[in-house]
Amino acid sequence: MGAGLVLLPWLGYLAGTLPPAEAAVWVTLDALEAVMLLAAGSRLLRGDARHRGPAAAAAVLLLADACLDLATSAPGSELAVAVAMALAAELPLAALCLVLAVR
């Protein structure tokens, strides 16, 4: 749930700093991630077995986000940030969500 909550202010940052066409895509993707993470987390905290669907969806969305970040980053520092985010946040969180979805 923490990761889903952290994404909420990030959505505002993206909306305010990216060109409108890019902002629409990235805000939508990250909003879907936040919704799925919050749904999975809240259901998991209640012991509700229906956490599996949102957890699986979050894993797919996080993997897609990491791939898109890497594919669209300019060489240099932008790519380095994308690699760092993928390795430190998106891919580990996707792996955790996948484990939660199948256990």
C-alpha atoms as a PDB file:
ATOM      1  CA  MET A   1       0.000   0.000   0.000  1.00  0.00           C
ATOM      2  CA  GLY A   2       2.919   2.300   0.712  1.00  0.00           C
ATOM      3  CA  ALA A   3       4.084   2.167  -2.891  1.00  0.00           C
ATOM      4  CA  GLY A   4       0.574   2.961  -4.097  1.00  0.00           C
ATOM      5  CA  LEU A   5       0.391   5.971  -1.781  1.00  0.00           C
ATOM      6  CA  VAL A   6       3.825   7.201  -2.882  1.00  0.00           C
ATOM      7  CA  LEU A   7       2.630   7.203  -6.480  1.00  0.00           C
ATOM      8  CA  LEU A   8      -0.179   9.670  -5.769  1.00  0.00           C
ATOM      9  CA  PRO A   9       1.976  12.827  -5.456  1.00  0.00           C
ATOM     10  CA  TRP A  10       4.141  11.494  -8.286  1.00  0.00           C
ATOM     11  CA  LEU A  11       1.091  11.677 -10.549  1.00  0.00           C
ATOM     12  CA  GLY A  12       0.818  15.406  -9.880  1.00  0.00           C
ATOM     13  CA  TYR A  13       4.515  15.886 -10.591  1.00  0.00           C
ATOM     14  CA  LEU A  14       4.224  14.060 -13.917  1.00  0.00           C
ATOM     15  CA  ALA A  15       1.107  15.981 -14.889  1.00  0.00           C
ATOM     16  CA  GLY A  16       2.805  19.283 -14.141  1.00  0.00           C
ATOM     17  CA  THR A  17       6.187  18.660 -15.755  1.00  0.00           C
ATOM     18  CA  LEU A  18       5.603  16.566 -18.876  1.00  0.00           C
ATOM     19  CA  PRO A  19       4.151  17.757 -22.178  1.00  0.00           C
ATOM     20  CA  PRO A  20       0.381  17.071 -22.202  1.00  0.00           C
ATOM     21  CA  ALA A  21       0.484  14.083 -24.585  1.00  0.00           C
ATOM     22  CA  GLU A  22       3.243  12.371 -22.611  1.00  0.00           C
ATOM     23  CA  ALA A  23       1.655  13.274 -19.287  1.00  0.00           C
ATOM     24  CA  ALA A  24      -1.595  11.585 -20.283  1.00  0.00           C
ATOM     25  CA  VAL A  25       0.163   8.295 -20.979  1.00  0.00           C
ATOM     26  CA  TRP A  26       2.467   8.260 -17.947  1.00  0.00           C
ATOM     27  CA  VAL A  27      -0.154   9.529 -15.504  1.00  0.00           C
ATOM     28  CA  THR A  28      -2.605   6.887 -16.698  1.00  0.00           C
ATOM     29  CA  LEU A  29      -0.055   4.083 -16.372  1.00  0.00           C
ATOM     30  CA  ASP A  30       1.094   5.183 -12.928  1.00  0.00           C
ATOM     31  CA  ALA A  31      -2.491   5.780 -11.762  1.00  0.00           C
ATOM     32  CA  LEU A  32      -3.388   2.216 -12.761  1.00  0.00           C
ATOM     33  CA  GLU A  33      -0.335   0.976 -10.860  1.00  0.00           C
ATOM     34  CA  ALA A  34      -1.374   2.950  -7.775  1.00  0.00           C
ATOM     35  CA  VAL A  35      -4.949   1.633  -7.910  1.00  0.00           C
ATOM     36  CA  MET A  36      -3.808  -1.978  -8.247  1.00  0.00           C
ATOM     37  CA  LEU A  37      -1.195  -1.648  -5.481  1.00  0.00           C
ATOM     38  CA  LEU A  38      -3.723  -0.046  -3.134  1.00  0.00           C
ATOM     39  CA  ALA A  39      -6.371  -2.653  -3.959  1.00  0.00           C
ATOM     40  CA  ALA A  40      -3.963  -5.549  -3.466  1.00  0.00           C
ATOM     41  CA  GLY A  41      -2.549  -4.087  -0.262  1.00  0.00           C
ATOM     42  CA  SER A  42      -5.878  -3.288   1.338  1.00  0.00           C
ATOM     43  CA  ARG A  43      -7.257  -6.730   0.511  1.00  0.00           C
ATOM     44  CA  LEU A  44      -4.106  -8.430   1.741  1.00  0.00           C
ATOM     45  CA  LEU A  45      -4.306  -6.551   5.047  1.00  0.00           C
ATOM     46  CA  ARG A  46      -7.869  -7.808   5.498  1.00  0.00           C
ATOM     47  CA  GLY A  47      -6.824 -11.372   4.684  1.00  0.00           C
ATOM     48  CA  ASP A  48      -9.001 -11.313   1.580  1.00  0.00           C
ATOM     49  CA  ALA A  49      -7.862 -13.872  -0.994  1.00  0.00           C
ATOM     50  CA  ARG A  50      -9.081 -11.541  -3.746  1.00  0.00           C
ATOM     51  CA  HIS A  51      -5.762  -9.677  -3.475  1.00  0.00           C
ATOM     52  CA  ARG A  52      -4.341 -11.991  -6.141  1.00  0.00           C
ATOM     53  CA  GLY A  53      -5.948 -10.288  -9.153  1.00  0.00           C
ATOM     54  CA  PRO A  54      -4.822  -6.749  -8.344  1.00  0.00           C
ATOM     55  CA  ALA A  55      -1.390  -8.041  -7.309  1.00  0.00           C
ATOM     56  CA  ALA A  56      -0.964  -9.798 -10.654  1.00  0.00           C
ATOM     57  CA  ALA A  57      -2.171  -6.710 -12.526  1.00  0.00           C
ATOM     58  CA  ALA A  58       0.234  -4.512 -10.545  1.00  0.00           C
ATOM     59  CA  ALA A  59       3.119  -6.848 -11.425  1.00  0.00           C
ATOM     60  CA  VAL A  60       2.342  -6.604 -15.136  1.00  0.00           C
ATOM     61  CA  LEU A  61       1.923  -2.827 -14.996  1.00  0.00           C
ATOM     62  CA  LEU A  62       5.191  -2.357 -13.075  1.00  0.00           C
ATOM     63  CA  LEU A  63       7.060  -4.545 -15.561  1.00  0.00           C
ATOM     64  CA  ALA A  64       5.568  -2.587 -18.463  1.00  0.00           C
ATOM     65  CA  ASP A  65       6.497   0.690 -16.750  1.00  0.00           C
ATOM     66  CA  ALA A  66      10.105  -0.415 -16.307  1.00  0.00           C
ATOM     67  CA  CYS A  67      10.333  -1.563 -19.942  1.00  0.00           C
ATOM     68  CA  LEU A  68       8.791   1.641 -21.276  1.00  0.00           C
ATOM     69  CA  ASP A  69      11.046   3.801 -19.096  1.00  0.00           C
ATOM     70  CA  LEU A  70      14.117   1.999 -20.419  1.00  0.00           C
ATOM     71  CA  ALA A  71      12.929   2.081 -24.022  1.00  0.00           C
ATOM     72  CA  THR A  72      12.054   5.776 -24.038  1.00  0.00           C
ATOM     73  CA  SER A  73      14.961   7.176 -21.995  1.00  0.00           C
ATOM     74  CA  ALA A  74      17.613   9.266 -23.682  1.00  0.00           C
ATOM     75  CA  PRO A  75      21.171   7.979 -23.350  1.00  0.00           C
ATOM     76  CA  GLY A  76      23.116   9.327 -20.400  1.00  0.00           C
ATOM     77  CA  SER A  77      21.674  10.416 -17.087  1.00  0.00           C
ATOM     78  CA  GLU A  78      18.062   9.840 -18.122  1.00  0.00           C
ATOM     79  CA  LEU A  79      18.820   6.215 -18.953  1.00  0.00           C
ATOM     80  CA  ALA A  80      20.826   5.822 -15.741  1.00  0.00           C
ATOM     81  CA  VAL A  81      17.826   7.017 -13.712  1.00  0.00           C
ATOM     82  CA  ALA A  82      15.529   4.609 -15.597  1.00  0.00           C
ATOM     83  CA  VAL A  83      17.881   1.689 -14.894  1.00  0.00           C
ATOM     84  CA  ALA A  84      18.148   2.671 -11.222  1.00  0.00           C
ATOM     85  CA  MET A  85      14.369   2.957 -10.863  1.00  0.00           C
ATOM     86  CA  ALA A  86      13.840  -0.379 -12.585  1.00  0.00           C
ATOM     87  CA  LEU A  87      16.410  -2.192 -10.444  1.00  0.00           C
ATOM     88  CA  ALA A  88      15.645  -0.489  -7.130  1.00  0.00           C
ATOM     89  CA  ALA A  89      11.876  -0.115  -7.269  1.00  0.00           C
ATOM     90  CA  GLU A  90       9.809  -1.329 -10.219  1.00  0.00           C
ATOM     91  CA  LEU A  91      11.216  -4.813 -10.767  1.00  0.00           C
ATOM     92  CA  PRO A  92      11.513  -5.792  -7.072  1.00  0.00           C
ATOM     93  CA  LEU A  93       7.978  -4.542  -6.428  1.00  0.00           C
ATOM     94  CA  ALA A  94       6.726  -6.417  -9.498  1.00  0.00           C
ATOM     95  CA  ALA A  95       8.403  -9.582  -8.188  1.00  0.00           C
ATOM     96  CA  LEU A  96       6.785  -9.124  -4.767  1.00  0.00           C
ATOM     97  CA  CYS A  97       3.389  -8.599  -6.371  1.00  0.00           C
ATOM     98  CA  LEU A  98       3.875 -11.741  -8.460  1.00  0.00           C
ATOM     99  CA  VAL A  99       4.748 -13.768  -5.368  1.00  0.00           C
ATOM    100  CA  LEU A 100       1.653 -12.421  -3.608  1.00  0.00           C
ATOM    101  CA  ALA A 101      -0.480 -13.237  -6.636  1.00  0.00           C
ATOM    102  CA  VAL A 102       0.558 -16.890  -6.783  1.00  0.00           C
ATOM    103  CA  ARG A 103       0.900 -17.815  -3.106  1.00  0.00           C
END
